[in-house]
Protein backbone atom coordinates (compact mmCIF):
# COMPACT_ATOMS: atom_id res chain seq x y z
CA UNK A 1 -3.75 1.25 14.20
CA UNK A 2 0.02 1.03 14.77
CA UNK A 3 0.11 -2.20 12.76
CA UNK A 4 -1.37 -0.36 9.79
CA UNK A 5 1.09 2.48 10.18
CA UNK A 6 4.06 0.14 10.38
CA UNK A 7 2.86 -1.78 7.33
CA UNK A 8 2.41 1.49 5.44
CA UNK A 9 5.89 2.61 6.49
CA UNK A 10 7.37 -0.71 5.32
CA UNK A 11 5.66 -0.44 1.94
CA UNK A 12 6.76 3.18 1.54
CA UNK A 13 10.34 2.28 2.46
CA UNK A 14 10.37 -0.63 0.02
CA UNK A 15 9.08 1.57 -2.80
CA UNK A 16 11.64 4.25 -1.97
CA UNK A 17 14.48 1.74 -1.98
CA UNK A 18 13.27 0.15 -5.20
CA UNK A 19 12.99 3.50 -6.93
CA UNK A 20 16.62 4.30 -6.00
CA UNK A 21 17.95 0.94 -7.16
CA UNK A 22 20.41 0.87 -10.01
CA UNK A 23 20.83 -1.95 -12.45
CA UNK A 24 24.09 -2.67 -14.23
CA UNK A 25 24.60 -4.67 -17.40
CA UNK A 26 27.98 -5.79 -18.74
CA UNK A 27 29.78 -8.59 -20.52
CA UNK A 28 32.18 -10.71 -18.54
CA UNK A 29 35.43 -12.33 -19.70
CA UNK A 30 33.54 -15.21 -21.34
CA UNK A 31 31.28 -12.84 -23.37
CA UNK A 32 28.25 -13.63 -21.20
CA UNK A 33 25.87 -10.75 -20.54
CA UNK A 34 25.47 -10.15 -16.82
CA UNK A 35 22.72 -8.05 -15.25
CA UNK A 36 23.02 -7.16 -11.58
CA UNK A 37 22.08 -4.57 -9.00
CA UNK A 38 25.73 -4.32 -7.95
CA UNK A 39 28.49 -2.82 -10.08
CA UNK A 40 31.03 -5.26 -11.50
CA UNK A 41 34.20 -5.94 -9.59
CA UNK A 42 37.14 -5.35 -11.91
CA UNK A 43 37.45 -4.37 -15.54
CA UNK A 44 34.63 -5.35 -17.91
CA UNK A 45 33.60 -4.63 -21.47
CA UNK A 46 30.50 -2.59 -22.38
CA UNK A 47 29.38 -1.49 -18.93
CA UNK A 48 25.92 0.00 -19.05
CA UNK A 49 23.95 1.48 -16.16
CA UNK A 50 20.19 1.03 -16.46
CA UNK A 51 18.08 3.66 -14.74
CA UNK A 52 15.11 2.07 -12.95
CA UNK A 53 13.43 5.29 -11.87
CA UNK A 54 10.13 6.02 -13.55
CA UNK A 55 10.50 8.65 -16.26
CA UNK A 56 9.08 12.07 -15.57
CA UNK A 57 5.66 12.55 -17.10
CA UNK A 58 5.86 14.54 -20.30
CA UNK A 59 3.97 17.79 -20.68
CA UNK A 60 2.45 16.56 -23.92
CA UNK A 61 -0.71 14.48 -24.00
CA UNK A 62 1.06 11.48 -25.55
CA UNK A 63 -0.69 8.37 -24.13
CA UNK A 64 2.29 6.15 -24.99
CA UNK A 65 4.45 8.15 -22.58
CA UNK A 66 1.92 8.08 -19.72
CA UNK A 67 3.32 7.73 -16.20
CA UNK A 68 3.27 4.36 -14.48
CA UNK A 69 0.15 3.61 -12.46
CA UNK A 70 0.33 3.74 -8.72
CA UNK A 71 -0.19 0.67 -6.59
CA UNK A 72 -3.60 1.97 -5.49
CA UNK A 73 -4.68 2.43 -9.13
CA UNK A 74 -3.56 -1.07 -10.05
CA UNK A 75 -5.31 -2.50 -6.98
CA UNK A 76 -8.52 -0.66 -7.88
CA UNK A 77 -8.36 -1.94 -11.46
CA UNK A 78 -7.71 -5.47 -10.20
CA UNK A 79 -10.72 -5.33 -7.88
CA UNK A 80 -12.84 -3.95 -10.72
CA UNK A 81 -11.80 -6.83 -13.00
CA UNK A 82 -12.57 -9.32 -10.20
CA UNK A 83 -16.05 -7.82 -9.72
CA UNK A 84 -16.71 -7.88 -13.46
CA UNK A 85 -15.66 -11.54 -13.60
CA UNK A 86 -17.96 -12.38 -10.66
CA UNK A 87 -20.83 -10.52 -12.32
CA UNK A 88 -20.27 -12.33 -15.62
CA UNK A 89 -20.14 -15.71 -13.87
CA UNK A 90 -23.33 -14.95 -11.95
CA UNK A 91 -25.09 -13.81 -15.12
CA UNK A 92 -24.01 -16.97 -16.93
CA UNK A 93 -25.19 -19.15 -14.03
CA UNK A 94 -28.57 -17.39 -13.95
CA UNK A 95 -28.98 -17.88 -17.71
CA UNK A 96 -28.16 -21.58 -17.37
CA UNK A 97 -30.72 -21.96 -14.59
CA UNK A 98 -33.36 -20.12 -16.64
CA UNK A 99 -32.65 -22.32 -19.68
CA UNK A 100 -32.87 -25.48 -17.57
CA UNK A 101 -36.17 -24.33 -16.06
CA UNK A 102 -37.53 -23.54 -19.54
CA UNK A 103 -36.51 -27.00 -20.82
CA UNK A 104 -38.25 -28.66 -17.86
CA UNK A 105 -41.41 -26.61 -18.46
CA UNK A 106 -41.40 -27.49 -22.15
CA UNK A 107 -40.91 -31.18 -21.37
CA UNK A 108 -43.85 -31.05 -18.95
CA UNK A 109 -46.04 -29.39 -21.62
CA UNK A 110 -45.07 -32.04 -24.19
CA UNK A 111 -45.91 -34.84 -21.74
CA UNK A 112 -49.26 -33.21 -20.97
CA UNK A 113 -50.04 -32.87 -24.69
CA UNK A 114 -49.17 -36.53 -25.28
CA UNK A 115 -51.48 -37.48 -22.42
CA UNK A 116 -54.29 -35.35 -23.86
CA UNK A 117 -53.82 -36.78 -27.35
CA UNK A 118 -53.63 -40.37 -26.09
CA UNK A 119 -57.37 -40.46 -25.43
CA UNK A 120 -57.16 -41.71 -21.88
CA UNK A 121 -59.53 -40.18 -19.38
CA UNK A 122 -58.27 -36.96 -17.79
CA UNK A 123 -59.57 -35.95 -14.41
CA UNK A 124 -59.50 -32.38 -13.02
CA UNK A 125 -60.90 -30.66 -9.97
CA UNK A 126 -63.22 -27.70 -10.05
CA UNK A 127 -63.26 -24.62 -7.78
CA UNK A 128 -65.15 -26.51 -5.07
CA UNK A 129 -62.57 -29.32 -5.06
CA UNK A 130 -64.83 -31.86 -6.76
CA UNK A 131 -63.37 -34.17 -9.38
CA UNK A 132 -64.67 -34.29 -12.93
CA UNK A 133 -63.53 -35.80 -16.25
CA UNK A 134 -62.80 -33.81 -19.39
CA UNK A 135 -65.31 -34.31 -22.16
CA UNK A 136 -64.34 -34.23 -25.85
CA UNK A 137 -64.88 -30.46 -26.34
CA UNK A 138 -62.87 -29.59 -23.20
CA UNK A 139 -60.14 -31.97 -24.32
CA UNK A 140 -60.01 -30.30 -27.76
CA UNK A 141 -59.76 -26.82 -26.17
CA UNK A 142 -57.04 -28.04 -23.80
CA UNK A 143 -55.09 -29.61 -26.68
CA UNK A 144 -55.30 -26.34 -28.68
CA UNK A 145 -54.23 -24.27 -25.66
CA UNK A 146 -51.31 -26.60 -24.90
CA UNK A 147 -50.14 -26.55 -28.54
CA UNK A 148 -50.25 -22.75 -28.52
CA UNK A 149 -48.23 -22.67 -25.29
CA UNK A 150 -45.67 -25.06 -26.77
CA UNK A 151 -45.40 -23.10 -30.01
CA UNK A 152 -45.05 -19.78 -28.17
CA UNK A 153 -42.70 -20.89 -25.40
CA UNK A 154 -40.72 -23.85 -26.72
CA UNK A 155 -39.25 -22.97 -30.07
C-alpha cells in the first residue's frame, strides 16, 4: 500500500513540477534559435517566454478549446483502443477459420460427388451396422443431394 502511495506522490509531484515549468526561446549571437527551460545568461535578441501551463477551460462550448485530457482519461482511451484491436483481430481470426473450414467441407463434397459420378461401387452401412452397396436409384438420389449441397453451400 505504501508503494502505491509513494508512486502516486511521485507522479503528482512530477506533474506539479512540469505544470510550473517555463520555457524560454531566444536567438543567440549567431542568429540560432534556442529553446530552453532556463533563461539565457546575458543579453539576447527576441527573448520570448512560453507558458507551458494548460489554458483555463473556456466557458463557451467550443470543442476546439477543450481542456487537455487527464492521464486517467488517456489511459482509459488507450486501453479501449487496445481492447478494440484485440476484438478485431479475434474476429478476423474466427472468420479465417470459418472460411478455411468451409473450403475443406466444399472440397470434401466435390470429392464425394466425383466418386459418385465415377461409377465405382459405393458401400454404406445401415442402422444395424451392416454393409450394403448403393444401387443406381440410390446413387442418383445421392448425386442430386450432393449437387444441391454444393450449389447451396459452395458458391
